[in-house]
Amino acid sequence: MSLDKSLKKGGGLARARNVLTRPERLALLQEDDRWKPEQGVFNLPKTKFRRLAPGQSGPIRPDKKA
């Protein structure tokens, strides 16, 4: 008896995720200077995340001058 193809475990997620994990959100917020480790990990501000189609460029961020 064979296993139906809908029950087989594929390569994980077939679709792009639309929710960031906490470490991904923290990295994004730190990059934008909207979060510091002293603030803790609860009540984080919302982050917009949009996966771009191949060939598209992301938002242009100004280079930080130290």
Foldseek 3Di string as FASTA:
>chain_A
DDDDPVPDDDPDDPDDDQDDDQVVLVVVCVVVVNDDVVVPSPPGDDDGDDDDDPPDDDDDDDDDDD
